[in-house]
Amino acid sequence: MSRAGLVARAREDIAAAKLRDPAARGSVELALLYPGLHAIWA
């Protein structure tokens, strides 16, 4: 998968997490601190 594809998929994952978690404050917080996203990306 290309770098652009990986970035697009990461953005989709972050957007989905932001929709489903009312406590999430921002995309950076989600990307850096949410272990669920890290597990998906591993």
Foldseek 3Di string as FASTA:
>chain_A
DDPVVVVVVLVVVLVVVCVVDVPDDDSVCCVPPPVVSVVVVD
